[in-house]
C-alpha cells in the first residue's frame, strides 16, 4: 500500500511539473495594425527577476533602427539588443513590479506579464494603475 501511495505521489508530481510552463524563452510580438510579426524577444530570469530584450526586428526596414525617442542610457542605442522589460518579480500567477520600455515612443511604463496559455504571454503596460494602459500579447517562438 505504501508503494502504491508513493508511486501515485511521484506520478502526480511528474504530471504537475511537466504542465508547469515558464514565461522565459523566445517570443515574438505582433504589429497591432498589420498583425504581422514585428520582433523576436528573449525573456529571461536573472536573480529571481524577469527581464526581456529584443533579439531581432523582423521587418527589413526596421533593422538597425535606433531608439531616438528614448532618454538616458538608451538614447540613440540600437533597438536590437535593448532590454525592454526590467525587474519583474513573481506574484502569484503573474510577474509584476517592473517596468517596460516602448522603443517606438521612448516611454517607460509599469507592467506585469502573465502566461495565459502555453504559448501566449500577456503584457500589460500602464501608468498609475493597471486600468490606464495597454495590453499586448507575445507568442512563443518555435
N, C-alpha and C. Protein backbone atom coordinates (compact mmCIF):
# COMPACT_ATOMS: atom_id res chain seq x y z
N UNK A 1 0.82 -1.20 0.00
CA UNK A 1 0.00 0.00 0.00
C UNK A 1 0.86 1.26 0.00
N UNK A 2 1.96 1.24 0.80
CA UNK A 2 2.85 2.39 0.85
C UNK A 2 3.49 2.64 -0.52
N UNK A 3 3.85 1.55 -1.20
CA UNK A 3 4.45 1.69 -2.52
C UNK A 3 3.47 2.31 -3.51
N UNK A 4 2.21 1.92 -3.43
CA UNK A 4 1.18 2.46 -4.31
C UNK A 4 0.97 3.96 -4.05
N UNK A 5 0.95 4.35 -2.78
CA UNK A 5 0.79 5.77 -2.43
C UNK A 5 1.99 6.57 -2.92
N UNK A 6 3.19 6.03 -2.67
CA UNK A 6 4.41 6.72 -3.12
C UNK A 6 4.44 6.85 -4.63
N UNK A 7 4.10 5.79 -5.34
CA UNK A 7 4.06 5.83 -6.79
C UNK A 7 3.04 6.85 -7.29
N UNK A 8 1.88 6.88 -6.66
CA UNK A 8 0.84 7.85 -7.04
C UNK A 8 1.32 9.28 -6.83
N UNK A 9 2.00 9.53 -5.72
CA UNK A 9 2.51 10.87 -5.43
C UNK A 9 3.58 11.29 -6.45
N UNK A 10 4.47 10.36 -6.77
CA UNK A 10 5.51 10.66 -7.75
C UNK A 10 4.91 10.94 -9.12
N UNK A 11 3.91 10.18 -9.50
CA UNK A 11 3.23 10.40 -10.78
C UNK A 11 2.55 11.76 -10.80
N UNK A 12 1.88 12.13 -9.72
CA UNK A 12 1.23 13.43 -9.62
C UNK A 12 2.24 14.57 -9.73
N UNK A 13 3.35 14.46 -9.03
CA UNK A 13 4.39 15.49 -9.08
C UNK A 13 4.96 15.60 -10.49
N UNK A 14 5.18 14.47 -11.14
CA UNK A 14 5.70 14.48 -12.51
C UNK A 14 4.75 15.14 -13.49
N UNK A 15 3.47 14.86 -13.37
CA UNK A 15 2.48 15.46 -14.25
C UNK A 15 2.38 16.96 -14.00
N UNK A 16 2.36 17.36 -12.74
CA UNK A 16 2.29 18.78 -12.39
C UNK A 16 3.51 19.52 -12.91
N UNK A 17 4.69 18.96 -12.74
CA UNK A 17 5.92 19.62 -13.20
C UNK A 17 5.96 19.74 -14.71
N UNK A 18 5.48 18.73 -15.42
CA UNK A 18 5.52 18.80 -16.89
C UNK A 18 4.51 19.79 -17.44
N UNK A 19 3.43 20.05 -16.69
CA UNK A 19 2.43 21.02 -17.13
C UNK A 19 2.81 22.45 -16.80
N UNK A 20 3.75 22.62 -15.86
CA UNK A 20 4.16 23.97 -15.47
C UNK A 20 4.93 24.59 -16.63
N UNK A 21 4.53 25.77 -17.00
CA UNK A 21 5.18 26.48 -18.10
C UNK A 21 5.89 27.69 -17.54
N UNK A 22 6.85 28.15 -18.27
CA UNK A 22 7.62 29.30 -17.84
C UNK A 22 7.41 30.46 -18.81
N UNK A 23 7.54 31.67 -18.30
CA UNK A 23 7.48 32.85 -19.15
C UNK A 23 8.79 33.06 -19.89
N UNK A 24 9.84 32.36 -19.48
CA UNK A 24 11.13 32.54 -20.12
C UNK A 24 11.17 31.86 -21.48
N UNK A 25 12.04 32.35 -22.34
CA UNK A 25 12.19 31.78 -23.67
C UNK A 25 12.09 32.86 -24.73
N UNK A 26 12.00 32.42 -25.97
CA UNK A 26 11.89 33.36 -27.09
C UNK A 26 10.43 33.53 -27.48
N UNK A 27 10.04 34.79 -27.67
CA UNK A 27 8.68 35.17 -28.00
C UNK A 27 8.72 36.10 -29.20
N UNK A 28 7.60 36.25 -29.88
CA UNK A 28 7.53 37.27 -30.91
C UNK A 28 6.33 38.17 -30.66
N UNK A 29 6.52 39.44 -30.99
CA UNK A 29 5.44 40.41 -30.88
C UNK A 29 4.82 40.61 -32.26
N UNK A 30 3.60 41.12 -32.27
CA UNK A 30 2.85 41.30 -33.50
C UNK A 30 2.46 42.77 -33.62
N UNK A 31 2.61 43.32 -34.81
CA UNK A 31 2.20 44.69 -35.09
C UNK A 31 0.68 44.77 -34.98
N UNK A 32 0.17 45.68 -34.13
CA UNK A 32 -1.27 45.75 -33.90
C UNK A 32 -2.05 46.23 -35.12
N UNK A 33 -1.39 46.96 -36.03
CA UNK A 33 -2.07 47.44 -37.23
C UNK A 33 -2.10 46.40 -38.35
N UNK A 34 -0.98 45.73 -38.58
CA UNK A 34 -0.88 44.80 -39.71
C UNK A 34 -1.03 43.33 -39.32
N UNK A 35 -0.94 43.06 -38.01
CA UNK A 35 -0.99 41.69 -37.50
C UNK A 35 0.18 40.83 -37.98
N UNK A 36 1.27 41.47 -38.39
CA UNK A 36 2.48 40.77 -38.83
C UNK A 36 3.49 40.69 -37.69
N UNK A 37 4.34 39.67 -37.75
CA UNK A 37 5.39 39.51 -36.77
C UNK A 37 6.29 40.75 -36.81
N UNK A 38 6.55 41.32 -35.63
CA UNK A 38 7.29 42.58 -35.55
C UNK A 38 8.70 42.40 -34.99
N UNK A 39 8.83 41.65 -33.90
CA UNK A 39 10.13 41.47 -33.27
C UNK A 39 10.20 40.14 -32.55
N UNK A 40 11.43 39.69 -32.34
CA UNK A 40 11.67 38.48 -31.55
C UNK A 40 12.34 38.94 -30.25
N UNK A 41 11.79 38.47 -29.15
CA UNK A 41 12.17 38.93 -27.82
C UNK A 41 12.58 37.73 -26.98
N UNK A 42 13.65 37.90 -26.24
CA UNK A 42 14.06 36.86 -25.30
C UNK A 42 13.69 37.30 -23.89
N UNK A 43 12.88 36.49 -23.21
CA UNK A 43 12.52 36.73 -21.82
C UNK A 43 13.39 35.79 -20.99
N UNK A 44 14.08 36.37 -20.02
CA UNK A 44 15.00 35.56 -19.22
C UNK A 44 14.91 35.94 -17.75
N UNK A 45 15.40 35.01 -16.92
CA UNK A 45 15.37 35.20 -15.48
C UNK A 45 16.79 35.46 -15.00
N UNK A 46 16.93 36.47 -14.14
CA UNK A 46 18.23 36.80 -13.56
C UNK A 46 17.98 37.27 -12.14
N UNK A 47 18.65 36.64 -11.17
CA UNK A 47 18.47 36.99 -9.75
C UNK A 47 17.00 36.97 -9.34
N UNK A 48 16.27 35.94 -9.78
CA UNK A 48 14.85 35.73 -9.46
C UNK A 48 13.94 36.85 -9.96
N UNK A 49 14.39 37.60 -10.95
CA UNK A 49 13.57 38.62 -11.60
C UNK A 49 13.53 38.33 -13.09
N UNK A 50 12.49 38.83 -13.75
CA UNK A 50 12.32 38.62 -15.18
C UNK A 50 12.72 39.88 -15.95
N UNK A 51 13.45 39.66 -17.04
CA UNK A 51 13.89 40.71 -17.95
C UNK A 51 13.59 40.24 -19.37
N UNK A 52 13.59 41.18 -20.31
CA UNK A 52 13.43 40.81 -21.72
C UNK A 52 14.21 41.78 -22.58
N UNK A 53 14.78 41.23 -23.66
CA UNK A 53 15.48 42.09 -24.61
C UNK A 53 15.05 41.72 -26.02
N UNK A 54 15.11 42.71 -26.88
CA UNK A 54 14.76 42.50 -28.28
C UNK A 54 15.95 41.87 -28.97
N UNK A 55 15.76 40.68 -29.50
CA UNK A 55 16.82 40.00 -30.22
C UNK A 55 16.89 40.44 -31.67
N UNK A 56 15.69 40.64 -32.26
CA UNK A 56 15.66 40.93 -33.69
C UNK A 56 14.40 41.70 -34.06
N UNK A 57 14.57 42.70 -34.90
CA UNK A 57 13.43 43.35 -35.54
C UNK A 57 13.22 42.62 -36.86
N UNK A 58 12.04 42.12 -37.08
CA UNK A 58 11.78 41.21 -38.19
C UNK A 58 11.74 41.91 -39.55
N UNK A 59 11.07 43.05 -39.62
CA UNK A 59 10.96 43.75 -40.90
C UNK A 59 12.31 44.31 -41.32
N UNK A 60 12.65 44.09 -42.56
CA UNK A 60 13.95 44.52 -43.08
C UNK A 60 14.17 46.03 -42.89
N UNK A 61 13.11 46.81 -43.11
CA UNK A 61 13.25 48.28 -42.99
C UNK A 61 13.44 48.74 -41.54
N UNK A 62 13.17 47.88 -40.55
CA UNK A 62 13.35 48.25 -39.14
C UNK A 62 14.72 47.88 -38.59
N UNK A 63 15.40 46.97 -39.27
CA UNK A 63 16.72 46.51 -38.79
C UNK A 63 17.69 47.69 -38.72
N UNK A 64 18.42 47.75 -37.62
CA UNK A 64 19.38 48.83 -37.43
C UNK A 64 18.78 50.11 -36.84
N UNK A 65 17.46 50.12 -36.58
CA UNK A 65 16.83 51.31 -36.01
C UNK A 65 17.40 51.62 -34.63
N UNK A 66 17.52 52.91 -34.36
CA UNK A 66 17.98 53.38 -33.06
C UNK A 66 16.78 53.91 -32.27
N UNK A 67 16.90 53.90 -30.95
CA UNK A 67 15.83 54.41 -30.10
C UNK A 67 16.05 55.92 -29.92
N UNK A 68 15.66 56.68 -30.94
CA UNK A 68 15.87 58.13 -30.92
C UNK A 68 14.89 58.88 -30.04
N UNK A 69 13.85 58.18 -29.57
CA UNK A 69 12.88 58.82 -28.68
C UNK A 69 13.11 58.43 -27.21
N UNK A 70 14.07 57.53 -26.99
CA UNK A 70 14.40 57.12 -25.62
C UNK A 70 15.20 58.22 -24.94
N UNK A 71 15.22 58.16 -23.62
CA UNK A 71 16.01 59.09 -22.83
C UNK A 71 17.08 58.32 -22.08
N UNK A 72 18.05 59.05 -21.54
CA UNK A 72 19.08 58.44 -20.71
C UNK A 72 19.97 57.50 -21.49
N UNK A 73 20.34 56.39 -20.86
CA UNK A 73 21.32 55.48 -21.44
C UNK A 73 20.85 54.79 -22.73
N UNK A 74 19.55 54.77 -22.99
CA UNK A 74 19.04 54.13 -24.20
C UNK A 74 18.93 55.08 -25.40
N UNK A 75 19.18 56.36 -25.18
CA UNK A 75 19.06 57.33 -26.26
C UNK A 75 20.02 56.99 -27.41
N UNK A 76 19.44 56.87 -28.60
CA UNK A 76 20.18 56.57 -29.83
C UNK A 76 20.93 55.24 -29.80
N UNK A 77 20.52 54.33 -28.95
CA UNK A 77 21.09 52.98 -28.91
C UNK A 77 20.29 52.10 -29.86
N UNK A 78 20.93 51.06 -30.41
CA UNK A 78 20.20 50.12 -31.28
C UNK A 78 19.05 49.45 -30.52
N UNK A 79 17.90 49.36 -31.17
CA UNK A 79 16.75 48.69 -30.56
C UNK A 79 17.03 47.20 -30.43
N UNK A 80 17.67 46.61 -31.43
CA UNK A 80 18.03 45.20 -31.34
C UNK A 80 19.10 45.06 -30.25
N UNK A 81 18.82 44.22 -29.28
CA UNK A 81 19.71 44.02 -28.14
C UNK A 81 19.30 44.82 -26.92
N UNK A 82 18.33 45.71 -27.07
CA UNK A 82 17.90 46.58 -25.97
C UNK A 82 17.03 45.81 -24.97
N UNK A 83 17.29 46.03 -23.69
CA UNK A 83 16.46 45.45 -22.63
C UNK A 83 15.21 46.32 -22.51
N UNK A 84 14.05 45.69 -22.71
CA UNK A 84 12.79 46.43 -22.68
C UNK A 84 11.91 46.08 -21.49
N UNK A 85 12.18 44.97 -20.86
CA UNK A 85 11.40 44.53 -19.70
C UNK A 85 12.38 44.37 -18.55
N UNK A 86 12.05 44.95 -17.41
CA UNK A 86 13.05 45.12 -16.39
C UNK A 86 12.53 44.83 -14.98
N UNK A 87 13.10 43.84 -14.31
CA UNK A 87 12.93 43.64 -12.88
C UNK A 87 11.58 43.19 -12.37
N UNK A 88 10.87 42.34 -13.10
CA UNK A 88 9.59 41.83 -12.62
C UNK A 88 9.80 40.70 -11.62
N UNK A 89 8.97 40.69 -10.58
CA UNK A 89 9.05 39.67 -9.55
C UNK A 89 7.79 38.81 -9.58
N UNK A 90 7.94 37.56 -9.21
CA UNK A 90 6.82 36.61 -9.18
C UNK A 90 5.79 37.06 -8.16
N UNK A 91 4.53 37.10 -8.57
CA UNK A 91 3.41 37.48 -7.71
C UNK A 91 2.22 36.62 -8.09
N UNK A 92 2.11 35.46 -7.49
CA UNK A 92 1.04 34.52 -7.84
C UNK A 92 1.27 33.96 -9.23
N UNK A 93 0.28 34.14 -10.12
CA UNK A 93 0.38 33.64 -11.49
C UNK A 93 1.03 34.64 -12.44
N UNK A 94 1.36 35.82 -11.94
CA UNK A 94 1.95 36.82 -12.83
C UNK A 94 3.28 37.31 -12.28
N UNK A 95 3.97 38.05 -13.12
CA UNK A 95 5.22 38.71 -12.75
C UNK A 95 4.93 40.21 -12.82
N UNK A 96 5.24 40.94 -11.74
CA UNK A 96 4.90 42.36 -11.71
C UNK A 96 5.96 43.15 -10.95
N UNK A 97 5.73 44.46 -10.83
CA UNK A 97 6.62 45.31 -10.06
C UNK A 97 7.80 45.83 -10.87
N UNK A 98 7.77 45.63 -12.17
CA UNK A 98 8.87 46.09 -13.01
C UNK A 98 8.41 47.14 -13.99
N UNK A 99 9.23 47.37 -14.98
CA UNK A 99 8.97 48.41 -15.99
C UNK A 99 9.13 47.81 -17.39
N UNK A 100 8.45 48.43 -18.34
CA UNK A 100 8.61 48.07 -19.74
C UNK A 100 8.86 49.34 -20.54
N UNK A 101 9.78 49.24 -21.48
CA UNK A 101 10.12 50.35 -22.37
C UNK A 101 9.48 50.11 -23.72
N UNK A 102 8.81 51.13 -24.24
CA UNK A 102 8.28 51.07 -25.60
C UNK A 102 9.25 51.84 -26.49
N UNK A 103 10.09 51.15 -27.26
CA UNK A 103 11.09 51.84 -28.08
C UNK A 103 10.49 52.70 -29.19
N UNK A 104 9.23 52.49 -29.52
CA UNK A 104 8.61 53.31 -30.57
C UNK A 104 8.38 54.75 -30.13
N UNK A 105 8.09 54.92 -28.82
CA UNK A 105 7.86 56.29 -28.34
C UNK A 105 8.79 56.69 -27.20
N UNK A 106 9.66 55.77 -26.78
CA UNK A 106 10.62 56.06 -25.72
C UNK A 106 10.04 56.09 -24.33
N UNK A 107 8.77 55.77 -24.17
CA UNK A 107 8.12 55.82 -22.86
C UNK A 107 8.38 54.56 -22.04
N UNK A 108 8.42 54.75 -20.74
CA UNK A 108 8.60 53.64 -19.80
C UNK A 108 7.33 53.56 -18.96
N UNK A 109 6.81 52.34 -18.82
CA UNK A 109 5.56 52.10 -18.10
C UNK A 109 5.76 51.05 -17.02
N UNK A 110 4.93 51.10 -15.98
CA UNK A 110 4.84 49.98 -15.06
C UNK A 110 4.24 48.83 -15.85
N UNK A 111 4.50 47.60 -15.43
CA UNK A 111 3.91 46.49 -16.19
C UNK A 111 3.80 45.22 -15.36
N UNK A 112 3.03 44.32 -15.89
CA UNK A 112 3.02 42.94 -15.41
C UNK A 112 2.86 42.03 -16.61
N UNK A 113 3.32 40.81 -16.45
CA UNK A 113 3.16 39.80 -17.50
C UNK A 113 2.55 38.56 -16.89
N UNK A 114 1.84 37.83 -17.73
CA UNK A 114 1.17 36.62 -17.26
C UNK A 114 1.07 35.63 -18.41
N UNK A 115 1.45 34.40 -18.15
CA UNK A 115 1.29 33.33 -19.14
C UNK A 115 -0.17 32.91 -19.11
N UNK A 116 -0.90 33.22 -20.20
CA UNK A 116 -2.33 32.91 -20.19
C UNK A 116 -2.65 31.62 -20.95
N UNK A 117 -1.75 31.21 -21.80
CA UNK A 117 -1.81 29.92 -22.47
C UNK A 117 -0.38 29.43 -22.58
N UNK A 118 -0.23 28.18 -22.94
CA UNK A 118 1.11 27.59 -23.03
C UNK A 118 2.05 28.43 -23.89
N UNK A 119 1.55 28.99 -24.97
CA UNK A 119 2.39 29.73 -25.91
C UNK A 119 1.93 31.17 -26.12
N UNK A 120 1.25 31.73 -25.12
CA UNK A 120 0.74 33.09 -25.24
C UNK A 120 0.99 33.85 -23.93
N UNK A 121 1.70 34.96 -24.07
CA UNK A 121 2.08 35.77 -22.92
C UNK A 121 1.36 37.11 -22.98
N UNK A 122 0.71 37.47 -21.89
CA UNK A 122 0.01 38.75 -21.80
C UNK A 122 0.95 39.76 -21.15
N UNK A 123 1.11 40.92 -21.79
CA UNK A 123 1.92 42.00 -21.27
C UNK A 123 1.01 43.21 -21.10
N UNK A 124 0.95 43.74 -19.89
CA UNK A 124 0.12 44.90 -19.63
C UNK A 124 1.01 46.03 -19.14
N UNK A 125 1.11 47.10 -19.94
CA UNK A 125 1.84 48.29 -19.57
C UNK A 125 0.86 49.36 -19.17
N UNK A 126 1.19 50.13 -18.12
CA UNK A 126 0.22 51.12 -17.63
C UNK A 126 0.91 52.27 -16.90
N UNK A 127 0.16 53.33 -16.75
CA UNK A 127 0.58 54.50 -15.98
C UNK A 127 -0.31 54.56 -14.76
N UNK A 128 0.29 54.70 -13.59
CA UNK A 128 -0.51 54.79 -12.36
C UNK A 128 -1.02 53.43 -11.92
N UNK A 129 -2.22 53.07 -12.36
CA UNK A 129 -2.76 51.76 -12.03
C UNK A 129 -3.19 51.06 -13.32
N UNK A 130 -3.33 49.75 -13.25
CA UNK A 130 -3.43 48.93 -14.46
C UNK A 130 -4.67 49.17 -15.32
N UNK A 131 -5.65 49.93 -14.84
CA UNK A 131 -6.81 50.23 -15.69
C UNK A 131 -6.44 51.21 -16.81
N UNK A 132 -5.43 52.03 -16.58
CA UNK A 132 -4.99 53.01 -17.58
C UNK A 132 -3.75 52.48 -18.29
N UNK A 133 -3.97 51.71 -19.32
CA UNK A 133 -2.83 51.14 -20.01
C UNK A 133 -3.21 50.41 -21.27
N UNK A 134 -2.26 49.61 -21.74
CA UNK A 134 -2.45 48.87 -22.98
C UNK A 134 -1.97 47.44 -22.77
N UNK A 135 -2.68 46.51 -23.36
CA UNK A 135 -2.31 45.10 -23.30
C UNK A 135 -1.81 44.65 -24.66
N UNK A 136 -0.75 43.89 -24.62
CA UNK A 136 -0.18 43.31 -25.83
C UNK A 136 0.03 41.83 -25.55
N UNK A 137 0.05 41.03 -26.60
CA UNK A 137 0.30 39.61 -26.44
C UNK A 137 1.53 39.23 -27.25
N UNK A 138 2.37 38.41 -26.64
CA UNK A 138 3.53 37.84 -27.33
C UNK A 138 3.27 36.36 -27.46
N UNK A 139 3.81 35.78 -28.52
CA UNK A 139 3.58 34.37 -28.82
C UNK A 139 4.93 33.64 -28.84
N UNK A 140 4.94 32.43 -28.30
CA UNK A 140 6.18 31.69 -28.19
C UNK A 140 6.76 31.40 -29.58
N UNK A 141 8.01 31.73 -29.74
CA UNK A 141 8.73 31.48 -30.99
C UNK A 141 9.06 29.99 -31.04
N UNK A 142 8.79 29.36 -32.15
CA UNK A 142 9.04 27.91 -32.26
C UNK A 142 10.39 27.62 -32.86
